[in-house]
Protein backbone atom coordinates (compact mmCIF):
# COMPACT_ATOMS: atom_id res chain seq x y z
CA MET A 1 -5.47 -29.26 15.03
CA SER A 2 -8.32 -27.81 12.67
CA TYR A 3 -7.85 -25.27 10.29
CA ARG A 4 -10.45 -22.57 9.84
CA SER A 5 -10.79 -21.73 5.85
CA ASP A 6 -12.46 -18.17 6.91
CA ILE A 7 -9.16 -17.09 8.49
CA LYS A 8 -6.52 -15.54 6.14
CA ASP A 9 -2.99 -16.05 6.56
CA GLU A 10 -2.13 -12.34 7.31
CA SER A 11 0.69 -10.90 9.13
CA LEU A 12 0.12 -9.19 12.65
CA ALA A 13 0.80 -5.83 10.82
CA GLU A 14 -1.99 -6.56 8.22
CA ILE A 15 -4.43 -7.38 10.79
CA LEU A 16 -3.65 -4.44 12.99
CA CYS A 17 -4.05 -2.00 10.10
CA LYS A 18 -7.64 -2.78 10.01
CA TYR A 19 -8.11 -1.44 13.67
CA ILE A 20 -6.43 1.94 12.91
CA GLY A 21 -8.50 4.61 14.56
CA GLU A 22 -10.23 1.82 17.16
CA THR A 23 -9.47 1.41 20.80
CA VAL A 24 -7.51 -1.89 21.36
CA THR A 25 -5.73 -3.25 24.61
CA ILE A 26 -2.14 -5.08 23.61
CA TYR A 27 -0.48 -7.20 25.80
CA THR A 28 3.23 -7.80 25.68
CA THR A 29 5.84 -10.19 26.63
CA SER A 30 7.12 -7.65 29.17
CA GLY A 31 6.26 -7.91 32.84
CA GLY A 32 5.69 -5.22 35.72
CA VAL A 33 3.00 -2.83 35.14
CA SER A 34 3.21 -3.19 31.33
CA GLY A 35 1.92 -6.82 31.81
CA CYS A 36 -1.66 -5.23 32.30
CA GLY A 37 -1.59 -4.30 28.62
CA PHE A 38 -1.73 -0.96 26.72
CA THR A 39 -5.14 0.47 25.98
CA GLY A 40 -5.46 3.09 23.09
CA VAL A 41 -6.34 3.80 19.98
CA ILE A 42 -4.02 2.70 16.96
CA LEU A 43 -2.57 5.64 15.24
CA SER A 44 -0.35 3.78 12.80
CA VAL A 45 1.19 0.43 12.02
CA THR A 46 4.51 -0.37 10.17
CA PRO A 47 6.24 -3.61 9.72
CA CYS A 48 8.21 -2.96 13.00
CA LEU A 49 5.83 -1.34 15.54
CA VAL A 50 2.35 -0.31 16.19
CA ARG A 51 1.73 3.40 17.57
CA LEU A 52 -1.34 3.92 20.12
CA ILE A 53 -2.39 7.17 21.47
CA THR A 54 -2.94 6.32 25.20
CA ARG A 55 -4.07 9.42 26.33
CA ILE A 56 -5.39 12.45 24.62
CA GLY A 57 -4.15 15.89 25.86
CA VAL A 58 -6.51 18.79 26.93
CA ALA A 59 -7.93 21.11 24.11
CA PRO A 60 -6.49 24.53 24.31
CA SER A 61 -8.76 27.14 25.78
CA SER A 62 -10.47 29.70 23.77
CA PRO A 63 -8.30 32.63 22.84
CA PHE A 64 -11.36 34.79 23.46
CA GLY A 65 -11.60 33.72 27.09
CA HIS A 66 -12.08 36.49 29.73
CA GLY A 67 -8.95 37.46 31.87
CA GLY A 68 -10.22 35.23 34.98
CA ASN A 69 -9.99 32.17 32.78
CA GLN A 70 -6.19 32.12 32.30
CA ARG A 71 -5.99 29.10 34.63
CA PHE A 72 -7.50 26.89 31.72
CA ALA A 73 -5.02 28.19 29.22
CA ARG A 74 -2.54 25.14 30.49
CA CYS A 75 -2.83 22.27 28.01
CA GLY A 76 -1.91 18.80 29.36
CA PRO A 77 0.10 16.55 27.16
CA GLY A 78 -1.18 13.43 25.83
CA SER A 79 1.04 10.17 25.62
CA VAL A 80 1.75 7.91 22.69
CA CYS A 81 3.12 4.41 22.99
CA ASP A 82 5.22 2.68 20.52
CA ILE A 83 5.14 -1.05 20.80
CA PRO A 84 7.34 -3.48 18.81
CA LEU A 85 5.52 -5.89 16.88
CA ASP A 86 7.81 -8.76 17.90
CA ARG A 87 6.69 -8.26 21.45
CA ILE A 88 3.14 -8.44 21.26
CA VAL A 89 1.59 -11.64 22.75
CA SER A 90 -2.04 -10.82 22.00
CA PHE A 91 -4.45 -7.85 21.27
CA VAL A 92 -7.94 -7.39 22.27
CA HIS A 93 -10.58 -5.45 20.17
CA ASN A 94 -14.39 -4.84 19.89
CA ALA A 95 -16.10 -7.39 17.68
CA VAL A 96 -17.73 -5.14 14.71
């Protein structure tokens, strides 16, 4: 086995911190639907978990809208996913 000297010995949390604000796909040890991975933007990383925003909610409508536009006043919720670092098998990111 060869060792690449250009790769630092960093923790997974340190590596993931470099991608905060970037879109990644994280694969975990779980099965079922989650076996397809979780794709989202990294919001934060702690020593225990990574938090992804997997769906951004709809922006609120303009308060100056006309009475006929009230149907657009409903906001759809977004979704956030917390993944324990010890359950991550791999993650994919864009080459920058």
